[in-house]
């Protein structure tokens, strides 16, 4: 599936999920992040990244099992508001 692009504000990392607020005001939880992104941005520990604005691209992967759930993965992340 083609990645979706958004401008979003990083809100938190809790219980293995990275939460961003998208432009439309919806909070979205991402379960996975491309490993190279985590080498660039320490979203788990760097509190200075909270409330920063990013461009991000994400994909979704439908896991076919009894419950059919979707895993959202950040494929690209760029900080656009460093203040």
Protein backbone atom coordinates (compact mmCIF):
# COMPACT_ATOMS: atom_id res chain seq x y z
CA UNK A 1 0.00 0.00 0.00
CA UNK A 2 1.15 3.53 -0.77
CA UNK A 3 2.40 5.54 2.23
CA UNK A 4 0.19 8.34 3.51
CA UNK A 5 1.76 11.72 4.24
CA UNK A 6 0.75 13.95 7.14
CA UNK A 7 1.89 16.89 9.19
CA UNK A 8 1.61 15.86 12.83
CA UNK A 9 2.57 16.82 16.37
CA UNK A 10 4.39 14.25 18.49
CA UNK A 11 2.53 13.74 21.77
CA UNK A 12 3.97 10.74 23.61
CA UNK A 13 5.48 7.29 23.73
CA UNK A 14 3.54 5.01 26.07
CA UNK A 15 3.08 1.26 26.25
CA UNK A 16 4.97 0.73 23.00
CA UNK A 17 2.90 3.21 20.99
CA UNK A 18 4.04 6.52 19.50
CA UNK A 19 1.14 8.99 19.54
CA UNK A 20 0.90 11.88 17.08
CA UNK A 21 -1.90 14.39 16.60
CA UNK A 22 -2.63 14.78 12.89
CA UNK A 23 -3.66 18.02 11.18
CA UNK A 24 -7.32 17.05 11.41
CA UNK A 25 -7.03 16.86 15.22
CA UNK A 26 -7.18 13.07 15.42
CA UNK A 27 -4.67 11.29 17.68
CA UNK A 28 -3.06 8.35 15.93
CA UNK A 29 -1.01 5.59 17.55
CA UNK A 30 1.88 4.06 15.66
CA UNK A 31 3.14 0.68 16.77
CA UNK A 32 6.22 0.52 14.53
CA UNK A 33 8.83 2.98 13.29
CA UNK A 34 11.47 2.38 10.66
CA UNK A 35 14.74 1.63 12.57
CA UNK A 36 16.68 4.42 10.83
CA UNK A 37 14.19 6.96 12.16
CA UNK A 38 14.78 5.76 15.71
CA UNK A 39 18.51 6.25 15.18
CA UNK A 40 17.82 9.90 14.26
CA UNK A 41 15.06 10.72 16.77
CA UNK A 42 14.91 9.20 20.26
CA UNK A 43 11.15 9.45 20.57
CA UNK A 44 11.10 7.13 23.58
CA UNK A 45 13.32 9.25 25.81
CA UNK A 46 13.84 12.77 24.40
CA UNK A 47 11.16 14.87 26.10
CA UNK A 48 12.25 17.86 23.96
CA UNK A 49 10.51 16.24 20.97
CA UNK A 50 7.08 16.36 22.63
CA UNK A 51 4.78 18.90 20.94
CA UNK A 52 7.18 19.29 17.99
CA UNK A 53 5.76 19.36 14.47
CA UNK A 54 6.87 16.71 11.98
CA UNK A 55 6.23 15.65 8.42
CA UNK A 56 5.62 11.93 8.49
CA UNK A 57 4.72 9.16 6.11
CA UNK A 58 3.13 5.97 7.34
CA UNK A 59 1.88 2.69 6.06
CA UNK A 60 -0.61 0.22 7.42
CA UNK A 61 -0.39 -3.53 7.53
CA UNK A 62 -3.50 -5.62 8.08
CA UNK A 63 -2.66 -8.68 10.14
CA UNK A 64 -4.85 -11.53 9.03
CA UNK A 65 -5.73 -13.60 12.03
CA UNK A 66 -8.89 -14.20 14.00
CA UNK A 67 -9.17 -10.55 15.02
CA UNK A 68 -7.88 -8.79 11.83
CA UNK A 69 -6.09 -5.76 13.21
CA UNK A 70 -4.04 -2.98 11.60
CA UNK A 71 -0.45 -2.07 12.49
CA UNK A 72 0.53 1.50 11.62
CA UNK A 73 4.24 2.03 10.82
CA UNK A 74 6.07 5.34 10.39
CA UNK A 75 8.23 5.09 7.27
CA UNK A 76 9.54 8.67 7.15
CA UNK A 77 9.86 11.39 9.79
CA UNK A 78 11.23 14.93 9.43
CA UNK A 79 11.25 17.57 12.14
CA UNK A 80 9.85 20.85 10.77
CA UNK A 81 9.43 22.80 13.99
CA UNK A 82 12.63 22.81 16.03
CA UNK A 83 11.52 25.61 18.40
